[in-house]
Amino acid sequence: MAKNRFPVWRLIQSELEAEIRSGLIGPGDQLPSENELAERFGVNRHTVRTALANLAMLGLVRARRGRGVFVEDRPPEYRITRDSKWSEIERQMNTGPSGQLLGSSERLATSAIAGLLAVPVATPIVMVETLRGASPSLLIYSYHVFERDRFVGIDAAVSRTGSFTDALAEFGVEAFFRASTWIDCRMPRPREAEALSIPLDAPVLVMMYVDSDTAGRPLLYGNAVIPSGSLVVRIDTL
């Protein structure tokens, strides 16, 4: 293998992880044996074993005694459509509303936020922070920004209901739709890493989005911080 500043087992792990996450090796498929992998990568079995152990720690594979190492099921799938909502994931995993209010704060809208919410610059806004989980392995740290005067008490409503859908219904919003979504990747903030039980050097997926009411008026700007590998995002174009 090519020389690299990373340990060899880490390079093997990254190769196999990429193949699993891309679907080249699918759920339930058996990985090649340790001997076969050692021959493929030109290393000893101990190095391969270390790479496989780390893949297991990530929840990507599971060793079955006497049978080999198999790929685990894919993470839950989040489809980005006009009707995208976190409650869809909760329904997939047979759980109810799971939003836990972590805090809220008020500030004035910057030009960027003002543009997203279609309000004047310096409009008072409220940011609501929550931790949402459909299962112990799927936690999401979320930020939701609202026009304060339009949604006075939205943080208390979220705390009561555990759901932004239900909270918005208390303000007369019976339906809302995804207007725009942006996807990025970064390292977590310390408070995010602590809440999500991940290390500070573990990359997170960040989905940023604007939801609008039936008249097309923006309701909120959201950020969902998701541990890498815990959710698959699907975007359909047809």
Protein backbone atom coordinates (compact mmCIF):
# COMPACT_ATOMS: atom_id res chain seq x y z
CA MET A 1 0.00 0.00 0.00
CA ALA A 2 1.10 3.59 -0.58
CA LYS A 3 3.01 5.30 2.21
CA ASN A 4 0.82 7.50 4.37
CA ARG A 5 1.05 9.26 7.71
CA PHE A 6 -2.01 7.33 8.93
CA PRO A 7 -1.75 3.82 10.42
CA VAL A 8 -2.24 1.08 7.84
CA TRP A 9 -5.27 -0.32 9.65
CA ARG A 10 -6.91 3.11 9.39
CA LEU A 11 -6.42 3.13 5.63
CA ILE A 12 -7.95 -0.35 5.36
CA GLN A 13 -10.85 0.78 7.51
CA SER A 14 -11.45 3.82 5.29
CA GLU A 15 -11.43 1.68 2.13
CA LEU A 16 -13.94 -0.82 3.51
CA GLU A 17 -16.07 1.90 5.11
CA ALA A 18 -16.31 3.73 1.78
CA GLU A 19 -17.39 0.53 0.03
CA ILE A 20 -20.05 -0.15 2.68
CA ARG A 21 -21.43 3.39 2.82
CA SER A 22 -21.56 3.64 -0.97
CA GLY A 23 -23.49 0.39 -1.23
CA LEU A 24 -20.79 -1.57 -3.05
CA ILE A 25 -21.06 -4.00 -0.15
CA GLY A 26 -24.70 -4.15 0.92
CA PRO A 27 -26.54 -4.93 4.16
CA GLY A 28 -26.22 -8.59 5.06
CA ASP A 29 -23.27 -9.16 2.72
CA GLN A 30 -20.30 -11.05 4.10
CA LEU A 31 -16.91 -9.36 3.96
CA PRO A 32 -13.95 -11.29 2.56
CA SER A 33 -12.10 -13.38 5.14
CA GLU A 34 -9.21 -11.93 7.15
CA ASN A 35 -6.80 -13.89 4.98
CA GLU A 36 -8.34 -12.54 1.78
CA LEU A 37 -8.28 -8.96 3.09
CA ALA A 38 -4.69 -9.37 4.28
CA GLU A 39 -3.70 -10.52 0.81
CA ARG A 40 -5.67 -7.71 -0.86
CA PHE A 41 -4.01 -4.99 1.19
CA GLY A 42 -0.60 -6.62 1.60
CA VAL A 43 -0.68 -6.68 5.39
CA ASN A 44 -0.89 -9.22 8.21
CA ARG A 45 -4.13 -10.52 9.72
CA HIS A 46 -3.67 -8.54 12.94
CA THR A 47 -3.79 -5.27 10.98
CA VAL A 48 -6.95 -6.41 9.19
CA ARG A 49 -8.48 -7.47 12.52
CA THR A 50 -7.90 -3.98 13.95
CA ALA A 51 -9.63 -2.37 10.96
CA LEU A 52 -12.61 -4.72 11.28
CA ALA A 53 -12.89 -4.04 15.01
CA ASN A 54 -13.14 -0.33 14.34
CA LEU A 55 -15.77 -0.87 11.66
CA ALA A 56 -17.74 -2.83 14.26
CA MET A 57 -17.40 0.05 16.73
CA LEU A 58 -18.95 2.31 14.08
CA GLY A 59 -21.88 -0.08 13.80
CA LEU A 60 -21.11 -0.94 10.19
CA VAL A 61 -20.28 -4.64 10.58
CA ARG A 62 -20.87 -7.47 13.01
CA ALA A 63 -18.76 -10.59 13.53
CA ARG A 64 -20.69 -13.86 13.72
CA ARG A 65 -18.82 -16.60 15.50
CA GLY A 66 -17.71 -19.30 13.12
CA ARG A 67 -19.29 -17.58 10.11
CA GLY A 68 -17.37 -14.37 9.42
CA VAL A 69 -18.01 -10.62 9.38
CA PHE A 70 -21.23 -9.24 7.89
CA VAL A 71 -22.44 -5.76 6.97
CA GLU A 72 -25.13 -4.38 9.27
CA ASP A 73 -28.39 -2.89 8.03
CA ARG A 74 -28.23 0.58 6.51
CA PRO A 75 -29.06 3.55 8.76
CA PRO A 76 -32.56 5.08 8.55
CA GLU A 77 -33.24 7.01 5.36
CA TYR A 78 -34.34 10.63 5.39
CA ARG A 79 -35.98 11.69 2.13
CA ILE A 80 -35.77 15.35 1.22
CA THR A 81 -39.06 16.27 -0.40
CA ARG A 82 -41.58 19.09 -0.15
CA ASP A 83 -43.10 17.29 2.83
CA SER A 84 -39.85 16.48 4.69
CA LYS A 85 -40.28 16.36 8.47
CA TRP A 86 -38.41 14.69 11.32
CA SER A 87 -41.65 12.97 12.36
CA GLU A 88 -41.24 10.73 9.28
CA ILE A 89 -38.13 9.17 10.82
CA GLU A 90 -39.91 8.75 14.15
CA ARG A 91 -42.72 6.91 12.38
CA GLN A 92 -40.23 4.68 10.56
CA MET A 93 -38.74 3.66 13.91
CA ASN A 94 -42.12 3.39 15.68
CA THR A 95 -41.44 6.16 18.17
CA GLY A 96 -43.40 9.22 19.18
CA PRO A 97 -42.36 12.90 19.31
CA SER A 98 -38.88 13.01 20.82
CA GLY A 99 -37.85 16.67 20.98
CA GLN A 100 -36.11 17.65 24.21
CA LEU A 101 -35.78 21.40 24.71
CA LEU A 102 -32.17 22.31 25.55
CA GLY A 103 -32.64 26.06 25.60
CA SER A 104 -33.71 29.14 23.71
CA SER A 105 -32.25 32.60 23.14
CA GLU A 106 -33.22 35.86 21.51
CA ARG A 107 -31.20 38.05 19.17
CA LEU A 108 -31.60 40.34 16.19
CA ALA A 109 -31.73 38.97 12.66
CA THR A 110 -28.55 39.37 10.64
CA SER A 111 -28.84 40.09 6.95
CA ALA A 112 -28.44 36.36 6.20
CA ILE A 113 -31.18 35.25 8.61
CA ALA A 114 -33.41 38.15 7.56
CA GLY A 115 -33.15 36.98 3.96
CA LEU A 116 -34.02 33.40 4.86
CA LEU A 117 -37.03 34.38 6.97
CA ALA A 118 -38.10 37.23 4.65
CA VAL A 119 -38.05 39.80 7.47
CA PRO A 120 -36.22 43.13 7.86
CA VAL A 121 -32.66 43.13 9.19
CA ALA A 122 -32.55 43.48 13.01
CA THR A 123 -35.99 41.89 13.43
CA PRO A 124 -36.11 40.14 16.84
CA ILE A 125 -35.75 36.38 16.43
CA VAL A 126 -35.75 33.42 18.80
CA MET A 127 -33.50 30.39 18.40
CA VAL A 128 -34.71 27.12 19.91
CA GLU A 129 -32.18 24.33 20.56
CA THR A 130 -33.38 20.75 20.90
CA LEU A 131 -32.07 17.20 21.07
CA ARG A 132 -34.20 14.75 19.15
CA GLY A 133 -33.82 10.98 19.04
CA ALA A 134 -35.71 8.24 17.26
CA SER A 135 -33.44 5.67 18.93
CA PRO A 136 -30.29 5.63 21.09
CA SER A 137 -28.24 5.36 17.89
CA LEU A 138 -29.99 8.22 16.10
CA LEU A 139 -29.74 11.56 17.88
CA ILE A 140 -29.99 14.96 16.22
CA TYR A 141 -29.01 18.31 17.71
CA SER A 142 -31.24 20.97 16.17
CA TYR A 143 -31.40 24.75 15.98
CA HIS A 144 -34.64 26.38 14.82
CA VAL A 145 -34.90 30.12 14.26
CA PHE A 146 -38.29 31.90 14.27
CA GLU A 147 -39.50 35.48 14.02
CA ARG A 148 -40.01 36.21 17.73
CA ASP A 149 -43.15 38.33 17.61
CA ARG A 150 -44.90 35.90 15.28
CA PHE A 151 -44.15 32.89 17.50
CA VAL A 152 -44.05 34.13 21.08
CA GLY A 153 -43.73 31.07 23.33
CA ILE A 154 -42.70 28.61 20.60
CA ASP A 155 -39.96 27.28 22.89
CA ALA A 156 -42.49 26.45 25.62
CA ALA A 157 -44.76 24.79 23.04
CA VAL A 158 -41.88 22.61 21.82
CA SER A 159 -41.05 21.69 25.41
CA ARG A 160 -44.65 20.61 26.03
CA THR A 161 -45.19 18.66 22.84
CA GLY A 162 -41.71 17.39 21.91
CA SER A 163 -42.62 18.21 18.30
CA PHE A 164 -42.20 21.27 16.11
CA THR A 165 -45.17 20.14 14.02
CA ASP A 166 -47.41 20.06 17.09
CA ALA A 167 -45.92 23.27 18.45
CA LEU A 168 -46.61 25.14 15.21
CA ALA A 169 -50.16 23.83 15.21
CA GLU A 170 -50.69 25.72 18.47
CA PHE A 171 -49.96 28.89 16.48
CA GLY A 172 -52.50 28.03 13.81
CA VAL A 173 -50.00 26.48 11.38
CA GLU A 174 -51.74 23.30 10.28
CA ALA A 175 -49.43 22.53 7.35
CA PHE A 176 -45.96 23.57 6.26
CA PHE A 177 -43.54 22.53 3.57
CA ARG A 178 -39.81 22.33 2.87
CA ALA A 179 -38.79 25.27 0.71
CA SER A 180 -34.99 24.81 0.59
CA THR A 181 -32.35 22.45 1.97
CA TRP A 182 -28.56 22.81 2.12
CA ILE A 183 -26.21 20.00 3.21
CA ASP A 184 -22.75 20.54 4.67
CA CYS A 185 -20.20 18.83 6.91
CA ARG A 186 -18.15 20.18 9.83
CA MET A 187 -16.75 19.28 13.24
CA PRO A 188 -19.18 19.49 16.17
CA ARG A 189 -19.28 22.23 18.77
CA PRO A 190 -18.40 21.01 22.28
CA ARG A 191 -22.02 21.13 23.47
CA GLU A 192 -23.15 19.23 20.37
CA ALA A 193 -20.51 16.54 20.83
CA GLU A 194 -21.49 16.11 24.48
CA ALA A 195 -25.21 15.86 23.73
CA LEU A 196 -24.66 13.47 20.81
CA SER A 197 -22.07 11.39 22.73
CA ILE A 198 -19.45 11.73 20.00
CA PRO A 199 -15.82 12.94 20.08
CA LEU A 200 -14.97 16.49 19.08
CA ASP A 201 -13.00 15.21 16.08
CA ALA A 202 -15.93 13.19 14.67
CA PRO A 203 -17.41 14.97 11.62
CA VAL A 204 -21.12 15.73 11.63
CA LEU A 205 -23.57 16.14 8.78
CA VAL A 206 -25.44 19.44 8.90
CA MET A 207 -28.76 19.94 7.12
CA MET A 208 -29.86 23.57 6.89
CA TYR A 209 -33.37 24.27 5.68
CA VAL A 210 -36.23 26.72 5.37
CA ASP A 211 -39.81 25.61 5.97
CA SER A 212 -42.70 27.72 4.64
CA ASP A 213 -46.45 27.83 5.21
CA THR A 214 -49.04 27.07 2.54
CA ALA A 215 -48.86 30.68 1.32
CA GLY A 216 -45.12 30.37 0.75
CA ARG A 217 -44.15 32.57 3.70
CA PRO A 218 -41.06 31.31 5.58
CA LEU A 219 -41.83 29.93 9.02
CA LEU A 220 -38.45 28.88 10.27
CA TYR A 221 -34.81 28.37 9.47
CA GLY A 222 -33.45 25.10 10.86
CA ASN A 223 -30.11 23.39 11.34
CA ALA A 224 -29.95 19.65 12.05
CA VAL A 225 -26.59 18.37 13.30
CA ILE A 226 -26.34 14.61 12.69
CA PRO A 227 -23.48 12.24 13.65
CA SER A 228 -21.78 10.83 10.58
CA GLY A 229 -23.16 7.47 9.50
CA SER A 230 -26.33 7.52 11.61
CA LEU A 231 -28.63 8.68 8.82
CA VAL A 232 -28.75 8.37 5.04
CA VAL A 233 -30.08 11.40 3.16
CA ARG A 234 -31.99 10.64 -0.03
CA ILE A 235 -32.89 13.24 -2.64
CA ASP A 236 -35.30 12.22 -5.39
CA THR A 237 -35.52 14.25 -8.59
CA LEU A 238 -38.45 12.44 -10.21
